[in-house]
Each structure stands twice: as C-alpha cells, then as structure tokens.
Amino acid sequence: AAILIEKLAIFDDEIEARNRIAARYSDLLKGHVATPVV
C-alpha cells in the first residue's frame, strides 16, 4: 500500500505518456499491421 501511494502520485502523468507512445506506434506501423482501435 505504501509503495502504491507513491506510484499513484505519478500515475496520471504515466497515462499521458502511454497514450503519446501508443499514438506514435500507430503512426509508425500504419499500413504494416492492424493497429489498436480505441
């Protein structure tokens, strides 16, 4: 629980980074594979 409290403090920033990385993956892979749909 103590560890998760510290991780939760940066979690929204990490979610933003995950979405940025996913969007770039999809741009790079367009036309080669079927990329994820949200």
Full PDB file with SEQRES, HELIX, SHEET, SSBOND, CRYST1, ORIGX, SCALE, CONECT and MASTER records, all heavy atoms in Angstrom:
SEQRES   1 A   38  ALA ALA ILE LEU ILE GLU LYS LEU ALA ILE PHE ASP ASP          
SEQRES   2 A   38  GLU ILE GLU ALA ARG ASN ARG ILE ALA ALA ARG TYR SER          
SEQRES   3 A   38  ASP LEU LEU LYS GLY HIS VAL ALA THR PRO VAL VAL              
HELIX    1 AA1 ALA A    2  LEU A    8  1                                   7    
HELIX    2 AA2 PHE A   11  LEU A   29  1                                  19    
CRYST1    1.000    1.000    1.000  90.00  90.00  90.00 P 1           1          
ORIGX1      1.000000  0.000000  0.000000        0.00000                         
ORIGX2      0.000000  1.000000  0.000000        0.00000                         
ORIGX3      0.000000  0.000000  1.000000        0.00000                         
SCALE1      1.000000  0.000000  0.000000        0.00000                         
SCALE2      0.000000  1.000000  0.000000        0.00000                         
SCALE3      0.000000  0.000000  1.000000        0.00000                         
ATOM      1  N   ALA A   1       0.832  -1.211   0.000  1.00  0.00           N  
ATOM      2  CA  ALA A   1       0.000   0.000   0.000  1.00  0.00           C  
ATOM      3  C   ALA A   1       0.863   1.255   0.000  1.00  0.00           C  
ATOM      4  O   ALA A   1       0.589   2.226  -0.721  1.00  0.00           O  
ATOM      5  CB  ALA A   1      -0.930  -0.014   1.204  1.00  0.00           C  
ATOM      6  N   ALA A   2       1.924   1.245   0.796  1.00  0.00           N  
ATOM      7  CA  ALA A   2       2.813   2.404   0.873  1.00  0.00           C  
ATOM      8  C   ALA A   2       3.473   2.677  -0.472  1.00  0.00           C  
ATOM      9  O   ALA A   2       3.603   3.836  -0.907  1.00  0.00           O  
ATOM     10  CB  ALA A   2       3.871   2.169   1.952  1.00  0.00           C  
ATOM     11  N   ILE A   3       3.890   1.605  -1.150  1.00  0.00           N  
ATOM     12  CA  ILE A   3       4.526   1.750  -2.472  1.00  0.00           C  
ATOM     13  C   ILE A   3       3.517   2.276  -3.492  1.00  0.00           C  
ATOM     14  O   ILE A   3       3.821   3.169  -4.294  1.00  0.00           O  
ATOM     15  CB  ILE A   3       5.120   0.404  -2.915  1.00  0.00           C  
ATOM     16  CG1 ILE A   3       6.315   0.034  -2.018  1.00  0.00           C  
ATOM     17  CG2 ILE A   3       5.535   0.435  -4.385  1.00  0.00           C  
ATOM     18  CD1 ILE A   3       6.739  -1.419  -2.115  1.00  0.00           C  
ATOM     19  N   LEU A   4       2.308   1.748  -3.452  1.00  0.00           N  
ATOM     20  CA  LEU A   4       1.283   2.170  -4.412  1.00  0.00           C  
ATOM     21  C   LEU A   4       0.900   3.638  -4.249  1.00  0.00           C  
ATOM     22  O   LEU A   4       0.579   4.312  -5.237  1.00  0.00           O  
ATOM     23  CB  LEU A   4       0.047   1.282  -4.277  1.00  0.00           C  
ATOM     24  CG  LEU A   4       0.200  -0.110  -4.900  1.00  0.00           C  
ATOM     25  CD1 LEU A   4      -0.893  -1.050  -4.391  1.00  0.00           C  
ATOM     26  CD2 LEU A   4       0.158  -0.015  -6.427  1.00  0.00           C  
ATOM     27  N   ILE A   5       0.933   4.145  -3.020  1.00  0.00           N  
ATOM     28  CA  ILE A   5       0.651   5.568  -2.810  1.00  0.00           C  
ATOM     29  C   ILE A   5       1.636   6.424  -3.599  1.00  0.00           C  
ATOM     30  O   ILE A   5       1.252   7.414  -4.247  1.00  0.00           O  
ATOM     31  CB  ILE A   5       0.689   5.910  -1.313  1.00  0.00           C  
ATOM     32  CG1 ILE A   5      -0.531   5.312  -0.595  1.00  0.00           C  
ATOM     33  CG2 ILE A   5       0.750   7.420  -1.095  1.00  0.00           C  
ATOM     34  CD1 ILE A   5      -0.442   5.359   0.916  1.00  0.00           C  
ATOM     35  N   GLU A   6       2.907   6.057  -3.576  1.00  0.00           N  
ATOM     36  CA  GLU A   6       3.929   6.821  -4.311  1.00  0.00           C  
ATOM     37  C   GLU A   6       3.761   6.661  -5.820  1.00  0.00           C  
ATOM     38  O   GLU A   6       3.978   7.611  -6.574  1.00  0.00           O  
ATOM     39  CB  GLU A   6       5.333   6.382  -3.876  1.00  0.00           C  
ATOM     40  CG  GLU A   6       5.605   6.550  -2.391  1.00  0.00           C  
ATOM     41  CD  GLU A   6       5.310   7.957  -1.893  1.00  0.00           C  
ATOM     42  OE1 GLU A   6       5.566   8.935  -2.640  1.00  0.00           O  
ATOM     43  OE2 GLU A   6       4.814   8.093  -0.759  1.00  0.00           O  
ATOM     44  N   LYS A   7       3.358   5.475  -6.261  1.00  0.00           N  
ATOM     45  CA  LYS A   7       3.162   5.261  -7.701  1.00  0.00           C  
ATOM     46  C   LYS A   7       1.912   5.981  -8.207  1.00  0.00           C  
ATOM     47  O   LYS A   7       1.893   6.486  -9.337  1.00  0.00           O  
ATOM     48  CB  LYS A   7       3.074   3.762  -7.995  1.00  0.00           C  
ATOM     49  CG  LYS A   7       4.400   3.028  -7.848  1.00  0.00           C  
ATOM     50  CD  LYS A   7       4.316   1.686  -8.537  1.00  0.00           C  
ATOM     51  CE  LYS A   7       5.679   1.041  -8.663  1.00  0.00           C  
ATOM     52  NZ  LYS A   7       5.675  -0.091  -9.608  1.00  0.00           N  
ATOM     53  N   LEU A   8       0.882   6.041  -7.366  1.00  0.00           N  
ATOM     54  CA  LEU A   8      -0.340   6.719  -7.769  1.00  0.00           C  
ATOM     55  C   LEU A   8      -0.092   8.215  -7.986  1.00  0.00           C  
ATOM     56  O   LEU A   8      -0.733   8.853  -8.836  1.00  0.00           O  
ATOM     57  CB  LEU A   8      -1.429   6.505  -6.714  1.00  0.00           C  
ATOM     58  CG  LEU A   8      -2.829   7.040  -7.021  1.00  0.00           C  
ATOM     59  CD1 LEU A   8      -3.387   6.430  -8.296  1.00  0.00           C  
ATOM     60  CD2 LEU A   8      -3.763   6.763  -5.849  1.00  0.00           C  
ATOM     61  N   ALA A   9       0.865   8.765  -7.251  1.00  0.00           N  
ATOM     62  CA  ALA A   9       1.165  10.199  -7.361  1.00  0.00           C  
ATOM     63  C   ALA A   9       1.664  10.576  -8.753  1.00  0.00           C  
ATOM     64  O   ALA A   9       1.509  11.735  -9.176  1.00  0.00           O  
ATOM     65  CB  ALA A   9       2.200  10.596  -6.305  1.00  0.00           C  
ATOM     66  N   ILE A  10       2.265   9.645  -9.487  1.00  0.00           N  
ATOM     67  CA  ILE A  10       2.779   9.944 -10.837  1.00  0.00           C  
ATOM     68  C   ILE A  10       1.958   9.247 -11.918  1.00  0.00           C  
ATOM     69  O   ILE A  10       2.299   9.312 -13.101  1.00  0.00           O  
ATOM     70  CB  ILE A  10       4.257   9.536 -10.967  1.00  0.00           C  
ATOM     71  CG1 ILE A  10       4.434   8.016 -10.762  1.00  0.00           C  
ATOM     72  CG2 ILE A  10       5.128  10.327  -9.993  1.00  0.00           C  
ATOM     73  CD1 ILE A  10       5.817   7.501 -11.158  1.00  0.00           C  
ATOM     74  N   PHE A  11       0.869   8.595 -11.531  1.00  0.00           N  
ATOM     75  CA  PHE A  11       0.146   7.717 -12.453  1.00  0.00           C  
ATOM     76  C   PHE A  11      -0.495   8.474 -13.615  1.00  0.00           C  
ATOM     77  O   PHE A  11      -0.406   8.043 -14.769  1.00  0.00           O  
ATOM     78  CB  PHE A  11      -0.897   6.908 -11.680  1.00  0.00           C  
ATOM     79  CG  PHE A  11      -1.584   5.848 -12.489  1.00  0.00           C  
ATOM     80  CD1 PHE A  11      -0.865   4.981 -13.295  1.00  0.00           C  
ATOM     81  CD2 PHE A  11      -2.963   5.700 -12.440  1.00  0.00           C  
ATOM     82  CE1 PHE A  11      -1.493   3.991 -14.030  1.00  0.00           C  
ATOM     83  CE2 PHE A  11      -3.607   4.713 -13.166  1.00  0.00           C  
ATOM     84  CZ  PHE A  11      -2.866   3.857 -13.973  1.00  0.00           C  
ATOM     85  N   ASP A  12      -1.127   9.593 -13.361  1.00  0.00           N  
ATOM     86  CA  ASP A  12      -1.775  10.325 -14.456  1.00  0.00           C  
ATOM     87  C   ASP A  12      -0.755  10.802 -15.480  1.00  0.00           C  
ATOM     88  O   ASP A  12      -1.023  10.802 -16.692  1.00  0.00           O  
ATOM     89  CB  ASP A  12      -2.588  11.493 -13.910  1.00  0.00           C  
ATOM     90  CG  ASP A  12      -3.910  11.053 -13.302  1.00  0.00           C  
ATOM     91  OD1 ASP A  12      -4.327   9.897 -13.549  1.00  0.00           O  
ATOM     92  OD2 ASP A  12      -4.530  11.843 -12.565  1.00  0.00           O  
ATOM     93  N   ASP A  13       0.412  11.198 -15.013  1.00  0.00           N  
ATOM     94  CA  ASP A  13       1.486  11.589 -15.925  1.00  0.00           C  
ATOM     95  C   ASP A  13       1.912  10.383 -16.773  1.00  0.00           C  
ATOM     96  O   ASP A  13       2.164  10.520 -17.982  1.00  0.00           O  
ATOM     97  CB  ASP A  13       2.672  12.120 -15.114  1.00  0.00           C  
ATOM     98  CG  ASP A  13       3.857  12.476 -15.990  1.00  0.00           C  
ATOM     99  OD1 ASP A  13       3.697  13.313 -16.886  1.00  0.00           O  
ATOM    100  OD2 ASP A  13       4.949  11.899 -15.789  1.00  0.00           O  
ATOM    101  N   GLU A  14       1.955   9.203 -16.167  1.00  0.00           N  
ATOM    102  CA  GLU A  14       2.330   7.997 -16.910  1.00  0.00           C  
ATOM    103  C   GLU A  14       1.255   7.612 -17.924  1.00  0.00           C  
ATOM    104  O   GLU A  14       1.575   7.137 -19.020  1.00  0.00           O  
ATOM    105  CB  GLU A  14       2.600   6.853 -15.935  1.00  0.00           C  
ATOM    106  CG  GLU A  14       3.854   7.052 -15.107  1.00  0.00           C  
ATOM    107  CD  GLU A  14       4.191   5.841 -14.249  1.00  0.00           C  
ATOM    108  OE1 GLU A  14       3.261   5.077 -13.887  1.00  0.00           O  
ATOM    109  OE2 GLU A  14       5.378   5.641 -13.951  1.00  0.00           O  
ATOM    110  N   ILE A  15      -0.014   7.791 -17.570  1.00  0.00           N  
ATOM    111  CA  ILE A  15      -1.090   7.502 -18.522  1.00  0.00           C  
ATOM    112  C   ILE A  15      -0.947   8.396 -19.760  1.00  0.00           C  
ATOM    113  O   ILE A  15      -1.095   7.939 -20.904  1.00  0.00           O  
ATOM    114  CB  ILE A  15      -2.475   7.710 -17.869  1.00  0.00           C  
ATOM    115  CG1 ILE A  15      -2.711   6.653 -16.784  1.00  0.00           C  
ATOM    116  CG2 ILE A  15      -3.581   7.638 -18.918  1.00  0.00           C  
ATOM    117  CD1 ILE A  15      -3.981   6.891 -15.969  1.00  0.00           C  
ATOM    118  N   GLU A  16      -0.659   9.664 -19.536  1.00  0.00           N  
ATOM    119  CA  GLU A  16      -0.447  10.584 -20.653  1.00  0.00           C  
ATOM    120  C   GLU A  16       0.698  10.115 -21.539  1.00  0.00           C  
ATOM    121  O   GLU A  16       0.603  10.133 -22.774  1.00  0.00           O  
ATOM    122  CB  GLU A  16      -0.172  11.987 -20.116  1.00  0.00           C  
ATOM    123  CG  GLU A  16      -0.023  13.045 -21.188  1.00  0.00           C  
ATOM    124  CD  GLU A  16       0.215  14.431 -20.621  1.00  0.00           C  
ATOM    125  OE1 GLU A  16      -0.150  14.679 -19.452  1.00  0.00           O  
ATOM    126  OE2 GLU A  16       0.760  15.282 -21.351  1.00  0.00           O  
ATOM    127  N   ALA A  17       1.798   9.661 -20.914  1.00  0.00           N  
ATOM    128  CA  ALA A  17       2.940   9.171 -21.680  1.00  0.00           C  
ATOM    129  C   ALA A  17       2.577   7.905 -22.453  1.00  0.00           C  
ATOM    130  O   ALA A  17       2.960   7.740 -23.624  1.00  0.00           O  
ATOM    131  CB  ALA A  17       4.116   8.893 -20.736  1.00  0.00           C  
ATOM    132  N   ARG A  18       1.839   6.993 -21.840  1.00  0.00           N  
ATOM    133  CA  ARG A  18       1.425   5.768 -22.534  1.00  0.00           C  
ATOM    134  C   ARG A  18       0.607   6.099 -23.783  1.00  0.00           C  
ATOM    135  O   ARG A  18       0.779   5.485 -24.839  1.00  0.00           O  
ATOM    136  CB  ARG A  18       0.613   4.887 -21.584  1.00  0.00           C  
ATOM    137  CG  ARG A  18       1.427   4.171 -20.515  1.00  0.00           C  
ATOM    138  CD  ARG A  18       0.519   3.407 -19.548  1.00  0.00           C  
ATOM    139  NE  ARG A  18       1.275   2.689 -18.544  1.00  0.00           N  
ATOM    140  CZ  ARG A  18       1.765   1.453 -18.688  1.00  0.00           C  
ATOM    141  NH1 ARG A  18       1.552   0.802 -19.819  1.00  0.00           N  
ATOM    142  NH2 ARG A  18       2.439   0.873 -17.716  1.00  0.00           N  
ATOM    143  N   ASN A  19      -0.288   7.071 -23.670  1.00  0.00           N  
ATOM    144  CA  ASN A  19      -1.115   7.438 -24.816  1.00  0.00           C  
ATOM    145  C   ASN A  19      -0.284   8.100 -25.908  1.00  0.00           C  
ATOM    146  O   ASN A  19      -0.532   7.868 -27.101  1.00  0.00           O  
ATOM    147  CB  ASN A  19      -2.269   8.334 -24.366  1.00  0.00           C  
ATOM    148  CG  ASN A  19      -3.445   7.525 -23.855  1.00  0.00           C  
ATOM    149  OD1 ASN A  19      -4.271   7.059 -24.625  1.00  0.00           O  
ATOM    150  ND2 ASN A  19      -3.504   7.323 -22.534  1.00  0.00           N  
ATOM    151  N   ARG A  20       0.674   8.896 -25.534  1.00  0.00           N  
ATOM    152  CA  ARG A  20       1.561   9.510 -26.523  1.00  0.00           C  
ATOM    153  C   ARG A  20       2.380   8.437 -27.261  1.00  0.00           C  
ATOM    154  O   ARG A  20       2.519   8.477 -28.500  1.00  0.00           O  
ATOM    155  CB  ARG A  20       2.489  10.510 -25.824  1.00  0.00           C  
ATOM    156  CG  ARG A  20       3.405  11.268 -26.765  1.00  0.00           C  
ATOM    157  CD  ARG A  20       4.207  12.309 -26.021  1.00  0.00           C  
ATOM    158  NE  ARG A  20       5.133  11.719 -25.037  1.00  0.00           N  
ATOM    159  CZ  ARG A  20       4.990  11.813 -23.733  1.00  0.00           C  
ATOM    160  NH1 ARG A  20       3.950  12.442 -23.208  1.00  0.00           N  
ATOM    161  NH2 ARG A  20       5.876  11.265 -22.914  1.00  0.00           N  
ATOM    162  N   ILE A  21       2.885   7.469 -26.512  1.00  0.00           N  
ATOM    163  CA  ILE A  21       3.692   6.399 -27.105  1.00  0.00           C  
ATOM    164  C   ILE A  21       2.830   5.521 -28.007  1.00  0.00           C  
ATOM    165  O   ILE A  21       3.240   5.132 -29.118  1.00  0.00           O  
ATOM    166  CB  ILE A  21       4.371   5.579 -25.989  1.00  0.00           C  
ATOM    167  CG1 ILE A  21       5.456   6.425 -25.315  1.00  0.00           C  
ATOM    168  CG2 ILE A  21       4.943   4.273 -26.528  1.00  0.00           C  
ATOM    169  CD1 ILE A  21       5.891   5.912 -23.956  1.00  0.00           C  
ATOM    170  N   ALA A  22       1.609   5.212 -27.566  1.00  0.00           N  
ATOM    171  CA  ALA A  22       0.715   4.394 -28.379  1.00  0.00           C  
ATOM    172  C   ALA A  22       0.370   5.089 -29.690  1.00  0.00           C  
ATOM    173  O   ALA A  22       0.337   4.456 -30.760  1.00  0.00           O  
ATOM    174  CB  ALA A  22      -0.552   4.070 -27.596  1.00  0.00           C  
ATOM    175  N   ALA A  23       0.111   6.394 -29.629  1.00  0.00           N  
ATOM    176  CA  ALA A  23      -0.206   7.140 -30.849  1.00  0.00           C  
ATOM    177  C   ALA A  23       0.966   7.114 -31.821  1.00  0.00           C  
ATOM    178  O   ALA A  23       0.781   6.973 -33.042  1.00  0.00           O  
ATOM    179  CB  ALA A  23      -0.584   8.577 -30.495  1.00  0.00           C  
ATOM    180  N   ARG A  24       2.177   7.231 -31.303  1.00  0.00           N  
ATOM    181  CA  ARG A  24       3.355   7.202 -32.187  1.00  0.00           C  
ATOM    182  C   ARG A  24       3.552   5.806 -32.776  1.00  0.00           C  
ATOM    183  O   ARG A  24       3.887   5.678 -33.968  1.00  0.00           O  
ATOM    184  CB  ARG A  24       4.602   7.639 -31.405  1.00  0.00           C  
ATOM    185  CG  ARG A  24       5.817   7.842 -32.302  1.00  0.00           C  
ATOM    186  CD  ARG A  24       6.957   8.535 -31.569  1.00  0.00           C  
ATOM    187  NE  ARG A  24       8.041   8.843 -32.494  1.00  0.00           N  
ATOM    188  CZ  ARG A  24       9.052   8.012 -32.776  1.00  0.00           C  
ATOM    189  NH1 ARG A  24       9.115   6.822 -32.172  1.00  0.00           N  
ATOM    190  NH2 ARG A  24       9.985   8.355 -33.640  1.00  0.00           N  
ATOM    191  N   TYR A  25       3.343   4.755 -31.977  1.00  0.00           N  
ATOM    192  CA  TYR A  25       3.389   3.392 -32.516  1.00  0.00           C  
ATOM    193  C   TYR A  25       2.437   3.270 -33.711  1.00  0.00           C  
ATOM    194  O   TYR A  25       2.802   2.746 -34.765  1.00  0.00           O  
ATOM    195  CB  TYR A  25       2.942   2.400 -31.439  1.00  0.00           C  
ATOM    196  CG  TYR A  25       4.028   1.636 -30.719  1.00  0.00           C  
ATOM    197  CD1 TYR A  25       3.876   1.302 -29.374  1.00  0.00           C  
ATOM    198  CD2 TYR A  25       5.175   1.192 -31.367  1.00  0.00           C  
ATOM    199  CE1 TYR A  25       4.843   0.572 -28.683  1.00  0.00           C  
ATOM    200  CE2 TYR A  25       6.157   0.463 -30.694  1.00  0.00           C  
ATOM    201  CZ  TYR A  25       5.982   0.155 -29.352  1.00  0.00           C  
ATOM    202  OH  TYR A  25       6.941  -0.565 -28.682  1.00  0.00           O  
ATOM    203  N   SER A  26       1.216   3.732 -33.525  1.00  0.00           N  
ATOM    204  CA  SER A  26       0.214   3.584 -34.575  1.00  0.00           C  
ATOM    205  C   SER A  26       0.607   4.346 -35.834  1.00  0.00           C  
ATOM    206  O   SER A  26       0.384   3.862 -36.959  1.00  0.00           O  
ATOM    207  CB  SER A  26      -1.154   4.049 -34.067  1.00  0.00           C  
ATOM    208  OG  SER A  26      -1.626   3.172 -33.045  1.00  0.00           O  
ATOM    209  N   ASP A  27       1.201   5.525 -35.678  1.00  0.00           N  
ATOM    210  CA  ASP A  27       1.675   6.271 -36.842  1.00  0.00           C  
ATOM    211  C   ASP A  27       2.786   5.517 -37.571  1.00  0.00           C  
ATOM    212  O   ASP A  27       2.800   5.445 -38.803  1.00  0.00           O  
ATOM    213  CB  ASP A  27       2.189   7.647 -36.409  1.00  0.00           C  
ATOM    214  CG  ASP A  27       1.073   8.610 -36.027  1.00  0.00           C  
ATOM    215  OD1 ASP A  27      -0.091   8.356 -36.402  1.00  0.00           O  
ATOM    216  OD2 ASP A  27       1.367   9.613 -35.345  1.00  0.00           O  
ATOM    217  N   LEU A  28       3.713   4.950 -36.806  1.00  0.00           N  
ATOM    218  CA  LEU A  28       4.855   4.254 -37.409  1.00  0.00           C  
ATOM    219  C   LEU A  28       4.450   2.943 -38.078  1.00  0.00           C  
ATOM    220  O   LEU A  28       5.082   2.518 -39.053  1.00  0.00           O  
ATOM    221  CB  LEU A  28       5.917   3.981 -36.340  1.00  0.00           C  
ATOM    222  CG  LEU A  28       6.642   5.203 -35.757  1.00  0.00           C  
ATOM    223  CD1 LEU A  28       7.453   4.802 -34.527  1.00  0.00           C  
ATOM    224  CD2 LEU A  28       7.546   5.847 -36.806  1.00  0.00           C  
ATOM    225  N   LEU A  29       3.408   2.308 -37.571  1.00  0.00           N  
ATOM    226  CA  LEU A  29       3.032   0.972 -38.056  1.00  0.00           C  
ATOM    227  C   LEU A  29       1.865   0.984 -39.036  1.00  0.00           C  
ATOM    228  O   LEU A  29       1.473  -0.066 -39.537  1.00  0.00           O  
ATOM    229  CB  LEU A  29       2.689   0.076 -36.862  1.00  0.00           C  
ATOM    230  CG  LEU A  29       3.863  -0.272 -35.950  1.00  0.00           C  
ATOM    231  CD1 LEU A  29       3.373  -0.965 -34.688  1.00  0.00           C  
ATOM    232  CD2 LEU A  29       4.881  -1.149 -36.686  1.00  0.00           C  
ATOM    233  N   LYS A  30       1.327   2.159 -39.301  1.00  0.00           N  
ATOM    234  CA  LYS A  30       0.183   2.265 -40.213  1.00  0.00           C  
ATOM    235  C   LYS A  30       0.536   1.666 -41.577  1.00  0.00           C  
ATOM    236  O   LYS A  30       1.597   1.947 -42.138  1.00  0.00           O  
ATOM    237  CB  LYS A  30      -0.208   3.725 -40.374  1.00  0.00           C  
ATOM    238  CG  LYS A  30      -1.498   3.966 -41.143  1.00  0.00           C  
ATOM    239  CD  LYS A  30      -1.774   5.452 -41.303  1.00  0.00           C  
ATOM    240  CE  LYS A  30      -1.865   6.159 -39.966  1.00  0.00           C  
ATOM    241  NZ  LYS A  30      -2.148   7.623 -40.105  1.00  0.00           N  
ATOM    242  N   GLY A  31      -0.349   0.810 -42.075  1.00  0.00           N  
ATOM    243  CA  GLY A  31      -0.121   0.183 -43.368  1.00  0.00           C  
ATOM    244  C   GLY A  31       0.652  -1.115 -43.308  1.00  0.00           C  
ATOM    245  O   GLY A  31       0.740  -1.837 -44.315  1.00  0.00           O  
ATOM    246  N   HIS A  32       1.231  -1.424 -42.149  1.00  0.00           N  
ATOM    247  CA  HIS A  32       2.002  -2.660 -42.000  1.00  0.00           C  
ATOM    248  C   HIS A  32       1.234  -3.720 -41.213  1.00  0.00           C  
ATOM    249  O   HIS A  32       1.281  -4.909 -41.534  1.00  0.00           O  
ATOM    250  CB  HIS A  32       3.341  -2.373 -41.317  1.00  0.00           C  
ATOM    251  CG  HIS A  32       4.220  -1.439 -42.072  1.00  0.00           C  
ATOM    252  ND1 HIS A  32       4.959  -1.830 -43.179  1.00  0.00           N  
ATOM    253  CD2 HIS A  32       4.479  -0.106 -41.895  1.00  0.00           C  
ATOM    254  CE1 HIS A  32       5.641  -0.794 -43.649  1.00  0.00           C  
ATOM    255  NE2 HIS A  32       5.369   0.258 -42.879  1.00  0.00           N  
ATOM    256  N   VAL A  33       0.541  -3.289 -40.172  1.00  0.00           N  
ATOM    257  CA  VAL A  33      -0.273  -4.177 -39.331  1.00  0.00           C  
ATOM    258  C   VAL A  33      -1.559  -3.435 -38.984  1.00  0.00           C  
ATOM    259  O   VAL A  33      -1.661  -2.213 -39.169  1.00  0.00           O  
ATOM    260  CB  VAL A  33       0.469  -4.573 -38.031  1.00  0.00           C  
ATOM    261  CG1 VAL A  33       1.683  -5.441 -38.321  1.00  0.00           C  
ATOM    262  CG2 VAL A  33       0.861  -3.331 -37.234  1.00  0.00           C  
ATOM    263  N   ALA A  34      -2.542  -4.155 -38.461  1.00  0.00           N  
ATOM    264  CA  ALA A  34      -3.759  -3.517 -37.952  1.00  0.00           C  
ATOM    265  C   ALA A  34      -3.472  -3.025 -36.542  1.00  0.00           C  
ATOM    266  O   ALA A  34      -3.247  -3.819 -35.622  1.00  0.00           O  
ATOM    267  CB  ALA A  34      -4.920  -4.497 -37.966  1.00  0.00           C  
ATOM    268  N   THR A  35      -3.466  -1.712 -36.369  1.00  0.00           N  
ATOM    269  CA  THR A  35      -3.126  -1.119 -35.078  1.00  0.00           C  
ATOM    270  C   THR A  35      -4.364  -1.060 -34.178  1.00  0.00           C  
ATOM    271  O   THR A  35      -5.495  -1.146 -34.654  1.00  0.00           O  
ATOM    272  CB  THR A  35      -2.535   0.288 -35.270  1.00  0.00           C  
ATOM    273  OG1 THR A  35      -3.454   1.079 -36.034  1.00  0.00           O  
ATOM    274  CG2 THR A  35      -1.206   0.203 -36.018  1.00  0.00           C  
ATOM    275  N   PRO A  36      -4.173  -0.912 -32.866  1.00  0.00           N  
ATOM    276  CA  PRO A  36      -5.305  -0.944 -31.931  1.00  0.00           C  
ATOM    277  C   PRO A  36      -6.310   0.175 -32.177  1.00  0.00           C  
ATOM    278  O   PRO A  36      -5.950   1.275 -32.608  1.00  0.00           O  
ATOM    279  CB  PRO A  36      -4.642  -0.787 -30.558  1.00  0.00           C  
ATOM    280  CG  PRO A  36      -3.221  -1.188 -30.763  1.00  0.00           C  
ATOM    281  CD  PRO A  36      -2.882  -0.806 -32.163  1.00  0.00           C  
ATOM    282  N   VAL A  37      -7.559  -0.135 -31.880  1.00  0.00           N  
ATOM    283  CA  VAL A  37      -8.658   0.822 -32.041  1.00  0.00           C  
ATOM    284  C   VAL A  37      -9.200   1.199 -30.662  1.00  0.00           C  
ATOM    285  O   VAL A  37      -9.577   0.320 -29.886  1.00  0.00           O  
ATOM    286  CB  VAL A  37      -9.791   0.221 -32.897  1.00  0.00           C  
ATOM    287  CG1 VAL A  37     -10.987   1.164 -32.943  1.00  0.00           C  
ATOM    288  CG2 VAL A  37      -9.287  -0.105 -34.299  1.00  0.00           C  
ATOM    289  N   VAL A  38      -9.214   2.483 -30.366  1.00  0.00           N  
ATOM    290  CA  VAL A  38      -9.844   2.990 -29.148  1.00  0.00           C  
ATOM    291  C   VAL A  38     -11.094   3.758 -29.575  1.00  0.00           C  
ATOM    292  O   VAL A  38     -10.985   4.790 -30.233  1.00  0.00           O  
ATOM    293  CB  VAL A  38      -8.899   3.903 -28.347  1.00  0.00           C  
ATOM    294  CG1 VAL A  38      -9.595   4.401 -27.079  1.00  0.00           C  
ATOM    295  CG2 VAL A  38      -7.618   3.161 -27.987  1.00  0.00           C  
TER     296      VAL A  38                                                      
MASTER        0    0    0    2    0    0    0    6  295    1    0    3          
END                                                                             
